[in-house]
Amino acid sequence: QVQLVESGGGLVQAGGSLRLSCAHSGRTFSRYNMAWFRQAPGKEREFVAAISRFGGSTYYADSVKGRFTISRDNAKNTMYLQMNSLKPEDTAVYYCAADLSLVTASTTACDYWGQGTQVTVSS
């Protein structure tokens, strides 16, 4: 089994920055492609960013491209999401997810999910 625990969420003003972390345990971290998703109140969960097993490939939703950066440290079994130039529309619960397939990791069909961390951006 894989356990994922997000941290780093909070309240920030528009234009500010936050860094989310996702700690992975249970199985070899480098086997998994990882991703971030978010879900705002009343909306469906949406893809934010994904990263391949060794970090060689990254993918972003158009809405965050140029502002967010996904990364991972396989030695620390941790994935990150650096969020800059935050906007009120970035307010959501952010979830990390893991899957053996990079294609699936970019969808809500991921095998493993964390419990989520709240990010609130005030205007």
Protein backbone atom coordinates (compact mmCIF):
# COMPACT_ATOMS: atom_id res chain seq x y z
CA GLN A 1 0.00 0.00 0.00
CA VAL A 2 0.95 3.61 -0.55
CA GLN A 3 0.23 6.43 1.89
CA LEU A 4 0.33 10.06 0.82
CA VAL A 5 0.25 13.01 3.20
CA GLU A 6 0.03 16.60 1.99
CA SER A 7 1.18 19.63 3.95
CA GLY A 8 1.95 23.29 3.41
CA GLY A 9 -1.48 24.68 2.70
CA GLY A 10 -2.77 27.87 4.28
CA LEU A 11 -4.09 31.36 3.77
CA VAL A 12 -2.16 33.73 1.53
CA GLN A 13 -2.86 37.04 -0.17
CA ALA A 14 -3.18 37.29 -3.92
CA GLY A 15 0.26 37.51 -5.51
CA GLY A 16 1.82 35.50 -2.73
CA SER A 17 3.48 32.09 -2.72
CA LEU A 18 3.10 28.72 -1.01
CA ARG A 19 4.95 25.43 -1.28
CA LEU A 20 3.00 22.24 -0.86
CA SER A 21 4.65 18.96 0.06
CA CYS A 22 3.47 15.40 -0.39
CA ALA A 23 5.19 12.75 1.71
CA HIS A 24 5.04 9.22 0.29
CA SER A 25 5.42 6.01 2.25
CA GLY A 26 4.70 2.32 1.87
CA ARG A 27 6.37 1.39 -1.39
CA THR A 28 9.32 2.55 -3.45
CA PHE A 29 8.62 6.19 -4.28
CA SER A 30 10.51 6.16 -7.57
CA ARG A 31 8.14 3.53 -8.98
CA TYR A 32 5.35 6.08 -9.05
CA ASN A 33 4.46 8.94 -11.28
CA MET A 34 3.05 11.72 -9.14
CA ALA A 35 0.53 14.48 -9.60
CA TRP A 36 -1.29 17.36 -7.95
CA PHE A 37 -5.00 17.94 -8.32
CA ARG A 38 -7.33 20.49 -6.77
CA GLN A 39 -10.99 20.78 -6.00
CA ALA A 40 -12.80 24.04 -5.33
CA PRO A 41 -16.19 24.14 -3.59
CA GLY A 42 -18.94 23.05 -5.94
CA LYS A 43 -16.52 22.08 -8.69
CA GLU A 44 -15.05 18.84 -9.93
CA ARG A 45 -11.55 17.78 -9.04
CA GLU A 46 -9.13 19.04 -11.68
CA PHE A 47 -5.60 18.24 -12.78
CA VAL A 48 -2.90 20.74 -11.79
CA ALA A 49 0.49 19.17 -12.55
CA ALA A 50 2.23 15.83 -12.95
CA ILE A 51 5.80 14.58 -12.81
CA SER A 52 7.35 11.38 -14.08
CA ARG A 53 9.13 8.84 -11.89
CA PHE A 54 12.56 10.46 -11.96
CA GLY A 55 11.42 14.00 -12.69
CA GLY A 56 12.43 14.03 -16.34
CA SER A 57 8.99 15.03 -17.56
CA THR A 58 6.52 17.50 -16.12
CA TYR A 59 3.06 18.55 -17.22
CA TYR A 60 0.86 21.45 -16.20
CA ALA A 61 -2.68 22.63 -16.59
CA ASP A 62 -2.86 25.78 -18.70
CA SER A 63 -4.30 27.68 -15.75
CA VAL A 64 -1.12 27.26 -13.67
CA LYS A 65 1.57 27.11 -16.35
CA GLY A 66 4.32 29.63 -15.63
CA ARG A 67 3.20 30.12 -12.01
CA PHE A 68 3.43 26.64 -10.46
CA THR A 69 6.38 24.26 -10.45
CA ILE A 70 6.17 20.57 -9.63
CA SER A 71 9.25 18.73 -8.41
CA ARG A 72 10.24 15.65 -6.46
CA ASP A 73 13.09 14.40 -4.29
CA ASN A 74 13.23 10.62 -4.50
CA ALA A 75 15.82 10.46 -1.71
CA LYS A 76 13.29 12.12 0.61
CA ASN A 77 10.22 10.32 -0.77
CA THR A 78 8.60 13.72 -1.24
CA MET A 79 6.94 15.67 -4.02
CA TYR A 80 6.49 19.43 -4.03
CA LEU A 81 4.35 22.08 -5.66
CA GLN A 82 5.79 25.59 -5.61
CA MET A 83 2.95 28.02 -6.21
CA ASN A 84 3.78 31.62 -7.10
CA SER A 85 1.66 34.59 -8.15
CA LEU A 86 -1.34 33.01 -6.50
CA LYS A 87 -4.82 34.15 -7.50
CA PRO A 88 -8.14 33.90 -5.67
CA GLU A 89 -9.25 31.34 -8.26
CA ASP A 90 -6.46 29.04 -7.04
CA THR A 91 -8.41 28.58 -3.81
CA ALA A 92 -9.14 24.87 -3.40
CA VAL A 93 -8.26 21.71 -1.55
CA TYR A 94 -5.08 20.40 -3.12
CA TYR A 95 -4.52 16.65 -3.36
CA CYS A 96 -1.47 14.66 -4.31
CA ALA A 97 -1.86 11.41 -6.19
CA ALA A 98 0.31 8.52 -7.33
CA ASP A 99 0.07 5.98 -10.11
CA LEU A 100 2.37 3.53 -11.86
CA SER A 101 1.18 4.90 -15.22
CA LEU A 102 2.17 8.44 -16.22
CA VAL A 103 -0.92 8.70 -18.40
CA THR A 104 -3.22 7.71 -15.55
CA ALA A 105 -1.36 10.01 -13.14
CA SER A 106 -2.77 12.96 -15.07
CA THR A 107 -6.33 11.81 -14.52
CA THR A 108 -8.62 11.34 -11.53
CA ALA A 109 -8.22 7.56 -11.98
CA CYS A 110 -4.98 7.55 -9.98
CA ASP A 111 -4.59 4.59 -7.67
CA TYR A 112 -3.54 6.48 -4.54
CA TRP A 113 -4.63 9.81 -3.04
CA GLY A 114 -3.75 11.94 -0.07
CA GLN A 115 -6.29 13.52 2.23
CA GLY A 116 -5.81 17.03 0.84
CA THR A 117 -4.59 20.38 2.13
CA GLN A 118 -6.56 23.62 1.95
CA VAL A 119 -5.16 26.59 0.04
CA THR A 120 -7.03 29.87 0.36
CA VAL A 121 -6.02 32.95 -1.60
CA SER A 122 -7.56 36.22 -0.48
CA SER A 123 -8.05 39.14 -2.83
